[in-house]
Amino acid sequence: MSTPIYELALGAKFRQLQPELQDYFSLAPGSGYYGIGEGVFDVVGCRQKWLRPLLATVAGEEAFFPEYGERIPFRIENHAHLDPFGRSSLTARREIFFPGHTRLFHDTTVAETSNDGTRLVDYVGRYRRLATALDLDVTPEGRLRGVSGASRLFLGPLRLALPAYLDAKAYAEQWWDAAEGKHRIQVKVLQRHVGLVLVYAGSFDYRLAPSLPATDGAVAARTATAAVGLPRYAEPDRWERRV
């Protein structure tokens, strides 16, 4: 079994995480398991009403969405796998159960290794058209803190670096709440001109389950463009190898 991508990126700091967080981020390709989280977001979505019509136009990308709610149930699946280009990856597939409508929100985080070490790049949305590097750190309390770097947008053969005045930054923190016996996460996406674009914060229970064996038909349908170790329903509509 290979090394988990968050351990590759954090190095020795990985052992400074709370033990429960180390377990959470311990999935690696070939482990034979995937993670299932179920919980409730205290808040989730876009608080700014005037911005919601704009987010509705890109909701099909399954990266942003116009709804906003409180005490909204959700489910997350984490799948460690190799992407079609052989990179160690972790795909997260989220279902957010707004009243009367379920939103999907998913991404694939990839370990990019170079002479300078390993960094994580997050490819977001149904078509993985938006990519951003992740800067990770561990707080003195053992929480994981992450900040997104500059973003790139992929449109066909084009690779477009988003200028600073258009780009948004995501600030995330995850930790184990010992008093509640649950995992907690909070994420804010901020844009310098419009303010808070997206927020989600809540708690969840988490467990590992054996990976489901692929059916004969699914195995036969796989090609060189498929991931290794990722169920078909969790694959994006398009893979992207550029950074």
C-alpha atoms as a PDB file:
ATOM      1  CA  MET A   1       0.000   0.000   0.000  1.00  0.00           C
ATOM      2  CA  SER A   2       1.296   3.470  -0.861  1.00  0.00           C
ATOM      3  CA  THR A   3       1.674   6.472   1.475  1.00  0.00           C
ATOM      4  CA  PRO A   4      -1.420   8.676   1.976  1.00  0.00           C
ATOM      5  CA  ILE A   5      -1.185  11.890  -0.052  1.00  0.00           C
ATOM      6  CA  TYR A   6      -1.624  14.155   2.987  1.00  0.00           C
ATOM      7  CA  GLU A   7       1.282  12.422   4.695  1.00  0.00           C
ATOM      8  CA  LEU A   8       3.369  12.908   1.545  1.00  0.00           C
ATOM      9  CA  ALA A   9       2.589  16.623   1.542  1.00  0.00           C
ATOM     10  CA  LEU A  10       2.939  17.267   5.292  1.00  0.00           C
ATOM     11  CA  GLY A  11       5.947  15.040   5.936  1.00  0.00           C
ATOM     12  CA  ALA A  12       6.830  14.842   9.625  1.00  0.00           C
ATOM     13  CA  LYS A  13       4.032  17.298  10.467  1.00  0.00           C
ATOM     14  CA  PHE A  14       1.495  14.587   9.661  1.00  0.00           C
ATOM     15  CA  ARG A  15       2.262  13.006  13.062  1.00  0.00           C
ATOM     16  CA  GLN A  16       1.368  16.312  14.746  1.00  0.00           C
ATOM     17  CA  LEU A  17      -2.243  15.959  13.658  1.00  0.00           C
ATOM     18  CA  GLN A  18      -4.791  14.737  16.180  1.00  0.00           C
ATOM     19  CA  PRO A  19      -4.829  10.905  16.050  1.00  0.00           C
ATOM     20  CA  GLU A  20      -8.389  10.939  14.734  1.00  0.00           C
ATOM     21  CA  LEU A  21      -7.330  13.232  11.882  1.00  0.00           C
ATOM     22  CA  GLN A  22      -4.396  10.964  11.075  1.00  0.00           C
ATOM     23  CA  ASP A  23      -6.895   8.130  10.747  1.00  0.00           C
ATOM     24  CA  TYR A  24      -9.183  10.257   8.582  1.00  0.00           C
ATOM     25  CA  PHE A  25      -6.402  11.166   6.153  1.00  0.00           C
ATOM     26  CA  SER A  26      -4.797   7.716   6.166  1.00  0.00           C
ATOM     27  CA  LEU A  27      -6.556   6.354   3.073  1.00  0.00           C
ATOM     28  CA  ALA A  28      -4.125   5.370   0.325  1.00  0.00           C
ATOM     29  CA  PRO A  29      -4.484   3.605  -3.025  1.00  0.00           C
ATOM     30  CA  GLY A  30      -4.648  -0.133  -2.555  1.00  0.00           C
ATOM     31  CA  SER A  31      -5.912   0.004   1.047  1.00  0.00           C
ATOM     32  CA  GLY A  32      -9.077  -1.894   0.140  1.00  0.00           C
ATOM     33  CA  TYR A  33     -11.294   0.629   1.944  1.00  0.00           C
ATOM     34  CA  TYR A  34     -13.136   3.869   1.350  1.00  0.00           C
ATOM     35  CA  GLY A  35     -14.394   6.443   3.835  1.00  0.00           C
ATOM     36  CA  ILE A  36     -17.999   7.373   4.555  1.00  0.00           C
ATOM     37  CA  GLY A  37     -18.937  10.502   6.488  1.00  0.00           C
ATOM     38  CA  GLU A  38     -22.489  11.452   7.490  1.00  0.00           C
ATOM     39  CA  GLY A  39     -23.431  14.539   9.403  1.00  0.00           C
ATOM     40  CA  VAL A  40     -25.036  17.963   9.417  1.00  0.00           C
ATOM     41  CA  PHE A  41     -23.810  21.312   8.161  1.00  0.00           C
ATOM     42  CA  ASP A  42     -24.676  24.053  10.638  1.00  0.00           C
ATOM     43  CA  VAL A  43     -24.431  26.425   7.664  1.00  0.00           C
ATOM     44  CA  VAL A  44     -23.817  25.681   3.988  1.00  0.00           C
ATOM     45  CA  GLY A  45     -24.002  27.618   0.740  1.00  0.00           C
ATOM     46  CA  CYS A  46     -24.037  31.236  -0.391  1.00  0.00           C
ATOM     47  CA  ARG A  47     -25.249  33.758   2.165  1.00  0.00           C
ATOM     48  CA  GLN A  48     -25.319  36.681  -0.283  1.00  0.00           C
ATOM     49  CA  LYS A  49     -28.690  36.672  -2.042  1.00  0.00           C
ATOM     50  CA  TRP A  50     -27.540  38.943  -4.862  1.00  0.00           C
ATOM     51  CA  LEU A  51     -24.779  36.467  -5.780  1.00  0.00           C
ATOM     52  CA  ARG A  52     -26.987  33.378  -5.958  1.00  0.00           C
ATOM     53  CA  PRO A  53     -28.303  33.940  -9.539  1.00  0.00           C
ATOM     54  CA  LEU A  54     -24.703  34.036 -10.773  1.00  0.00           C
ATOM     55  CA  LEU A  55     -23.827  30.824  -8.947  1.00  0.00           C
ATOM     56  CA  ALA A  56     -26.937  29.195 -10.416  1.00  0.00           C
ATOM     57  CA  THR A  57     -25.447  29.629 -13.909  1.00  0.00           C
ATOM     58  CA  VAL A  58     -22.446  27.455 -12.992  1.00  0.00           C
ATOM     59  CA  ALA A  59     -24.230  24.976 -10.713  1.00  0.00           C
ATOM     60  CA  GLY A  60     -23.900  22.295 -13.416  1.00  0.00           C
ATOM     61  CA  GLU A  61     -20.161  22.237 -12.756  1.00  0.00           C
ATOM     62  CA  GLU A  62     -20.977  20.730  -9.327  1.00  0.00           C
ATOM     63  CA  ALA A  63     -18.389  22.914  -7.621  1.00  0.00           C
ATOM     64  CA  PHE A  64     -20.528  25.894  -6.554  1.00  0.00           C
ATOM     65  CA  PHE A  65     -24.259  26.137  -5.923  1.00  0.00           C
ATOM     66  CA  PRO A  66     -26.750  28.929  -5.206  1.00  0.00           C
ATOM     67  CA  GLU A  67     -28.628  27.446  -2.234  1.00  0.00           C
ATOM     68  CA  TYR A  68     -28.082  28.409   1.372  1.00  0.00           C
ATOM     69  CA  GLY A  69     -29.332  26.568   4.436  1.00  0.00           C
ATOM     70  CA  GLU A  70     -28.796  25.769   8.090  1.00  0.00           C
ATOM     71  CA  ARG A  71     -28.844  22.348   9.748  1.00  0.00           C
ATOM     72  CA  ILE A  72     -28.555  20.621   6.361  1.00  0.00           C
ATOM     73  CA  PRO A  73     -27.660  16.897   6.329  1.00  0.00           C
ATOM     74  CA  PHE A  74     -24.851  15.718   4.104  1.00  0.00           C
ATOM     75  CA  ARG A  75     -22.845  12.646   3.156  1.00  0.00           C
ATOM     76  CA  ILE A  76     -19.254  12.404   1.951  1.00  0.00           C
ATOM     77  CA  GLU A  77     -17.336   9.518   0.423  1.00  0.00           C
ATOM     78  CA  ASN A  78     -13.528   9.517   0.241  1.00  0.00           C
ATOM     79  CA  HIS A  79     -11.866   7.236  -2.314  1.00  0.00           C
ATOM     80  CA  ALA A  80      -8.075   6.839  -2.511  1.00  0.00           C
ATOM     81  CA  HIS A  81      -6.939   5.755  -5.977  1.00  0.00           C
ATOM     82  CA  LEU A  82      -4.543   6.275  -8.845  1.00  0.00           C
ATOM     83  CA  ASP A  83      -5.780   8.678 -11.493  1.00  0.00           C
ATOM     84  CA  PRO A  84      -5.480   7.746 -15.199  1.00  0.00           C
ATOM     85  CA  PHE A  85      -2.005   9.349 -15.254  1.00  0.00           C
ATOM     86  CA  GLY A  86      -0.680   7.228 -12.386  1.00  0.00           C
ATOM     87  CA  ARG A  87      -0.812   9.928  -9.708  1.00  0.00           C
ATOM     88  CA  SER A  88      -1.805   9.081  -6.153  1.00  0.00           C
ATOM     89  CA  SER A  89      -5.154  10.782  -5.567  1.00  0.00           C
ATOM     90  CA  LEU A  90      -8.071  11.200  -3.186  1.00  0.00           C
ATOM     91  CA  THR A  91     -11.535  11.846  -4.609  1.00  0.00           C
ATOM     92  CA  ALA A  92     -14.230  13.279  -2.349  1.00  0.00           C
ATOM     93  CA  ARG A  93     -17.865  13.001  -3.408  1.00  0.00           C
ATOM     94  CA  ARG A  94     -20.324  15.042  -1.339  1.00  0.00           C
ATOM     95  CA  GLU A  95     -24.098  14.948  -1.348  1.00  0.00           C
ATOM     96  CA  ILE A  96     -25.784  17.935   0.305  1.00  0.00           C
ATOM     97  CA  PHE A  97     -29.452  17.335   1.038  1.00  0.00           C
ATOM     98  CA  PHE A  98     -31.168  20.712   0.736  1.00  0.00           C
ATOM     99  CA  PRO A  99     -34.949  20.571   1.163  1.00  0.00           C
ATOM    100  CA  GLY A 100     -36.375  19.363  -2.141  1.00  0.00           C
ATOM    101  CA  HIS A 101     -33.013  19.187  -3.896  1.00  0.00           C
ATOM    102  CA  THR A 102     -29.708  17.355  -3.525  1.00  0.00           C
ATOM    103  CA  ARG A 103     -26.495  19.035  -4.642  1.00  0.00           C
ATOM    104  CA  LEU A 104     -23.354  17.154  -5.601  1.00  0.00           C
ATOM    105  CA  PHE A 105     -20.019  18.754  -4.814  1.00  0.00           C
ATOM    106  CA  HIS A 106     -16.835  16.844  -5.557  1.00  0.00           C
ATOM    107  CA  ASP A 107     -13.137  17.171  -6.209  1.00  0.00           C
ATOM    108  CA  THR A 108      -9.980  15.129  -6.715  1.00  0.00           C
ATOM    109  CA  THR A 109      -6.828  16.010  -4.779  1.00  0.00           C
ATOM    110  CA  VAL A 110      -3.643  14.837  -6.489  1.00  0.00           C
ATOM    111  CA  ALA A 111      -0.087  14.450  -5.183  1.00  0.00           C
ATOM    112  CA  GLU A 112       2.344  16.222  -7.527  1.00  0.00           C
ATOM    113  CA  THR A 113       5.966  15.251  -6.874  1.00  0.00           C
ATOM    114  CA  SER A 114       8.966  17.255  -8.067  1.00  0.00           C
ATOM    115  CA  ASN A 115      12.536  17.974  -6.992  1.00  0.00           C
ATOM    116  CA  ASP A 116      11.095  20.476  -4.525  1.00  0.00           C
ATOM    117  CA  GLY A 117       9.006  17.799  -2.795  1.00  0.00           C
ATOM    118  CA  THR A 118       5.310  16.909  -2.906  1.00  0.00           C
ATOM    119  CA  ARG A 119       2.477  19.366  -3.171  1.00  0.00           C
ATOM    120  CA  LEU A 120      -1.247  18.759  -3.429  1.00  0.00           C
ATOM    121  CA  VAL A 121      -3.315  20.087  -6.309  1.00  0.00           C
ATOM    122  CA  ASP A 122      -7.093  20.102  -6.062  1.00  0.00           C
ATOM    123  CA  TYR A 123      -9.175  19.605  -9.219  1.00  0.00           C
ATOM    124  CA  VAL A 124     -12.716  20.766  -8.550  1.00  0.00           C
ATOM    125  CA  GLY A 125     -16.103  20.030 -10.055  1.00  0.00           C
ATOM    126  CA  ARG A 126     -17.783  17.590 -12.387  1.00  0.00           C
ATOM    127  CA  TYR A 127     -15.346  18.273 -15.227  1.00  0.00           C
ATOM    128  CA  ARG A 128     -12.326  19.076 -13.011  1.00  0.00           C
ATOM    129  CA  ARG A 129     -11.939  22.348 -14.921  1.00  0.00           C
ATOM    130  CA  LEU A 130     -10.696  24.351 -11.939  1.00  0.00           C
ATOM    131  CA  ALA A 131      -7.355  23.519 -10.315  1.00  0.00           C
ATOM    132  CA  THR A 132      -5.665  25.085  -7.324  1.00  0.00           C
ATOM    133  CA  ALA A 133      -2.586  24.241  -5.283  1.00  0.00           C
ATOM    134  CA  LEU A 134      -3.124  23.648  -1.561  1.00  0.00           C
ATOM    135  CA  ASP A 135      -0.917  25.076   1.176  1.00  0.00           C
ATOM    136  CA  LEU A 136      -1.232  22.888   4.271  1.00  0.00           C
ATOM    137  CA  ASP A 137      -0.189  23.305   7.883  1.00  0.00           C
ATOM    138  CA  VAL A 138      -0.903  21.828  11.299  1.00  0.00           C
ATOM    139  CA  THR A 139      -2.015  24.076  14.155  1.00  0.00           C
ATOM    140  CA  PRO A 140      -0.569  23.747  17.685  1.00  0.00           C
ATOM    141  CA  GLU A 141      -3.818  21.959  18.640  1.00  0.00           C
ATOM    142  CA  GLY A 142      -3.307  19.351  15.914  1.00  0.00           C
ATOM    143  CA  ARG A 143      -5.909  20.659  13.495  1.00  0.00           C
ATOM    144  CA  LEU A 144      -5.356  20.593   9.741  1.00  0.00           C
ATOM    145  CA  ARG A 145      -5.440  24.012   8.121  1.00  0.00           C
ATOM    146  CA  GLY A 146      -5.391  24.586   4.371  1.00  0.00           C
ATOM    147  CA  VAL A 147      -5.371  27.628   2.084  1.00  0.00           C
ATOM    148  CA  SER A 148      -5.823  27.478  -1.663  1.00  0.00           C
ATOM    149  CA  GLY A 149      -3.239  29.096  -3.918  1.00  0.00           C
ATOM    150  CA  ALA A 150      -3.639  30.646  -7.335  1.00  0.00           C
ATOM    151  CA  SER A 151      -6.272  28.941  -9.504  1.00  0.00           C
ATOM    152  CA  ARG A 152      -6.142  27.794 -13.097  1.00  0.00           C
ATOM    153  CA  LEU A 153      -9.122  27.269 -15.367  1.00  0.00           C
ATOM    154  CA  PHE A 154      -9.063  24.668 -18.158  1.00  0.00           C
ATOM    155  CA  LEU A 155     -11.202  25.329 -21.241  1.00  0.00           C
ATOM    156  CA  GLY A 156     -10.457  22.711 -23.877  1.00  0.00           C
ATOM    157  CA  PRO A 157      -6.769  23.058 -24.767  1.00  0.00           C
ATOM    158  CA  LEU A 158      -6.493  26.390 -22.941  1.00  0.00           C
ATOM    159  CA  ARG A 159      -4.936  26.746 -19.511  1.00  0.00           C
ATOM    160  CA  LEU A 160      -5.924  30.076 -18.003  1.00  0.00           C
ATOM    161  CA  ALA A 161      -4.365  31.408 -14.822  1.00  0.00           C
ATOM    162  CA  LEU A 162      -7.060  33.416 -13.080  1.00  0.00           C
ATOM    163  CA  PRO A 163      -5.913  36.982 -12.368  1.00  0.00           C
ATOM    164  CA  ALA A 164      -5.860  38.023  -8.746  1.00  0.00           C
ATOM    165  CA  TYR A 165      -8.852  40.322  -9.110  1.00  0.00           C
ATOM    166  CA  LEU A 166     -11.026  37.386 -10.269  1.00  0.00           C
ATOM    167  CA  ASP A 167      -9.584  34.613  -8.137  1.00  0.00           C
ATOM    168  CA  ALA A 168     -11.073  33.419  -4.866  1.00  0.00           C
ATOM    169  CA  LYS A 169      -9.310  31.775  -1.955  1.00  0.00           C
ATOM    170  CA  ALA A 170     -10.571  28.897   0.129  1.00  0.00           C
ATOM    171  CA  TYR A 171      -9.695  28.715   3.828  1.00  0.00           C
ATOM    172  CA  ALA A 172     -10.339  25.329   5.440  1.00  0.00           C
ATOM    173  CA  GLU A 173      -9.843  23.857   8.877  1.00  0.00           C
ATOM    174  CA  GLN A 174     -10.667  20.339  10.065  1.00  0.00           C
ATOM    175  CA  TRP A 175     -10.374  18.830  13.532  1.00  0.00           C
ATOM    176  CA  TRP A 176     -11.656  16.208  15.956  1.00  0.00           C
ATOM    177  CA  ASP A 177     -14.137  17.489  18.531  1.00  0.00           C
ATOM    178  CA  ALA A 178     -13.479  15.261  21.539  1.00  0.00           C
ATOM    179  CA  ALA A 179     -16.389  16.691  23.520  1.00  0.00           C
ATOM    180  CA  GLU A 180     -18.879  15.765  20.787  1.00  0.00           C
ATOM    181  CA  GLY A 181     -17.048  12.676  19.536  1.00  0.00           C
ATOM    182  CA  LYS A 182     -17.302  13.935  15.948  1.00  0.00           C
ATOM    183  CA  HIS A 183     -15.193  15.337  13.155  1.00  0.00           C
ATOM    184  CA  ARG A 184     -15.643  19.023  12.436  1.00  0.00           C
ATOM    185  CA  ILE A 185     -14.897  21.074   9.331  1.00  0.00           C
ATOM    186  CA  GLN A 186     -15.290  24.684   8.325  1.00  0.00           C
ATOM    187  CA  VAL A 187     -14.550  26.167   4.913  1.00  0.00           C
ATOM    188  CA  LYS A 188     -14.898  29.714   3.609  1.00  0.00           C
ATOM    189  CA  VAL A 189     -14.367  30.816   0.008  1.00  0.00           C
ATOM    190  CA  LEU A 190     -13.602  34.528  -0.185  1.00  0.00           C
ATOM    191  CA  GLN A 191     -13.238  36.850  -3.168  1.00  0.00           C
ATOM    192  CA  ARG A 192     -11.668  40.233  -2.608  1.00  0.00           C
ATOM    193  CA  HIS A 193     -14.398  42.203  -4.399  1.00  0.00           C
ATOM    194  CA  VAL A 194     -17.569  40.295  -3.481  1.00  0.00           C
ATOM    195  CA  GLY A 195     -16.641  38.926  -0.073  1.00  0.00           C
ATOM    196  CA  LEU A 196     -17.935  35.549   1.084  1.00  0.00           C
ATOM    197  CA  VAL A 197     -18.819  33.365  -1.920  1.00  0.00           C
ATOM    198  CA  LEU A 198     -19.384  30.008  -0.211  1.00  0.00           C
ATOM    199  CA  VAL A 199     -19.312  28.673   3.319  1.00  0.00           C
ATOM    200  CA  TYR A 200     -19.849  25.311   4.920  1.00  0.00           C
ATOM    201  CA  ALA A 201     -19.312  24.286   8.511  1.00  0.00           C
ATOM    202  CA  GLY A 202     -20.539  21.321  10.458  1.00  0.00           C
ATOM    203  CA  SER A 203     -19.836  17.994  12.115  1.00  0.00           C
ATOM    204  CA  PHE A 204     -19.979  14.382  11.022  1.00  0.00           C
ATOM    205  CA  ASP A 205     -19.363  10.779  11.956  1.00  0.00           C
ATOM    206  CA  TYR A 206     -16.838   8.875   9.861  1.00  0.00           C
ATOM    207  CA  ARG A 207     -16.139   5.226   9.207  1.00  0.00           C
ATOM    208  CA  LEU A 208     -14.261   3.019   6.781  1.00  0.00           C
ATOM    209  CA  ALA A 209     -15.965   0.370   4.661  1.00  0.00           C
ATOM    210  CA  PRO A 210     -14.492  -2.307   2.373  1.00  0.00           C
ATOM    211  CA  SER A 211     -14.213  -1.157  -1.209  1.00  0.00           C
ATOM    212  CA  LEU A 212     -16.944  -2.592  -3.384  1.00  0.00           C
ATOM    213  CA  PRO A 213     -15.665  -5.070  -5.975  1.00  0.00           C
ATOM    214  CA  ALA A 214     -16.096  -3.960  -9.566  1.00  0.00           C
ATOM    215  CA  THR A 215     -18.631  -5.909 -11.595  1.00  0.00           C
ATOM    216  CA  ASP A 216     -17.485  -7.811 -14.668  1.00  0.00           C
ATOM    217  CA  GLY A 217     -19.243  -5.269 -16.859  1.00  0.00           C
ATOM    218  CA  ALA A 218     -17.514  -2.356 -15.132  1.00  0.00           C
ATOM    219  CA  VAL A 219     -14.119  -4.013 -15.514  1.00  0.00           C
ATOM    220  CA  ALA A 220     -14.748  -4.643 -19.187  1.00  0.00           C
ATOM    221  CA  ALA A 221     -15.813  -1.040 -19.714  1.00  0.00           C
ATOM    222  CA  ARG A 222     -12.664   0.417 -18.195  1.00  0.00           C
ATOM    223  CA  THR A 223     -10.143   1.957 -20.545  1.00  0.00           C
ATOM    224  CA  ALA A 224      -6.821   3.752 -20.292  1.00  0.00           C
ATOM    225  CA  THR A 225      -8.756   6.893 -19.358  1.00  0.00           C
ATOM    226  CA  ALA A 226     -10.224   5.368 -16.181  1.00  0.00           C
ATOM    227  CA  ALA A 227      -8.866   5.673 -12.670  1.00  0.00           C
ATOM    228  CA  VAL A 228      -7.576   2.645 -10.778  1.00  0.00           C
ATOM    229  CA  GLY A 229      -9.419   1.982  -7.520  1.00  0.00           C
ATOM    230  CA  LEU A 230     -12.216   4.532  -8.005  1.00  0.00           C
ATOM    231  CA  PRO A 231     -15.817   3.344  -8.503  1.00  0.00           C
ATOM    232  CA  ARG A 232     -17.369   4.465 -11.758  1.00  0.00           C
ATOM    233  CA  TYR A 233     -20.103   6.549 -10.102  1.00  0.00           C
ATOM    234  CA  ALA A 234     -17.439   8.660  -8.355  1.00  0.00           C
ATOM    235  CA  GLU A 235     -15.417   9.401 -11.487  1.00  0.00           C
ATOM    236  CA  PRO A 236     -15.621  12.879 -13.038  1.00  0.00           C
ATOM    237  CA  ASP A 237     -16.947  13.431 -16.529  1.00  0.00           C
ATOM    238  CA  ARG A 238     -13.418  14.433 -17.539  1.00  0.00           C
ATOM    239  CA  TRP A 239      -9.925  13.969 -16.141  1.00  0.00           C
ATOM    240  CA  GLU A 240      -7.297  16.717 -16.212  1.00  0.00           C
ATOM    241  CA  ARG A 241      -3.562  16.210 -15.917  1.00  0.00           C
ATOM    242  CA  ARG A 242      -2.394  19.790 -16.273  1.00  0.00           C
ATOM    243  CA  VAL A 243      -1.458  21.878 -13.262  1.00  0.00           C
END
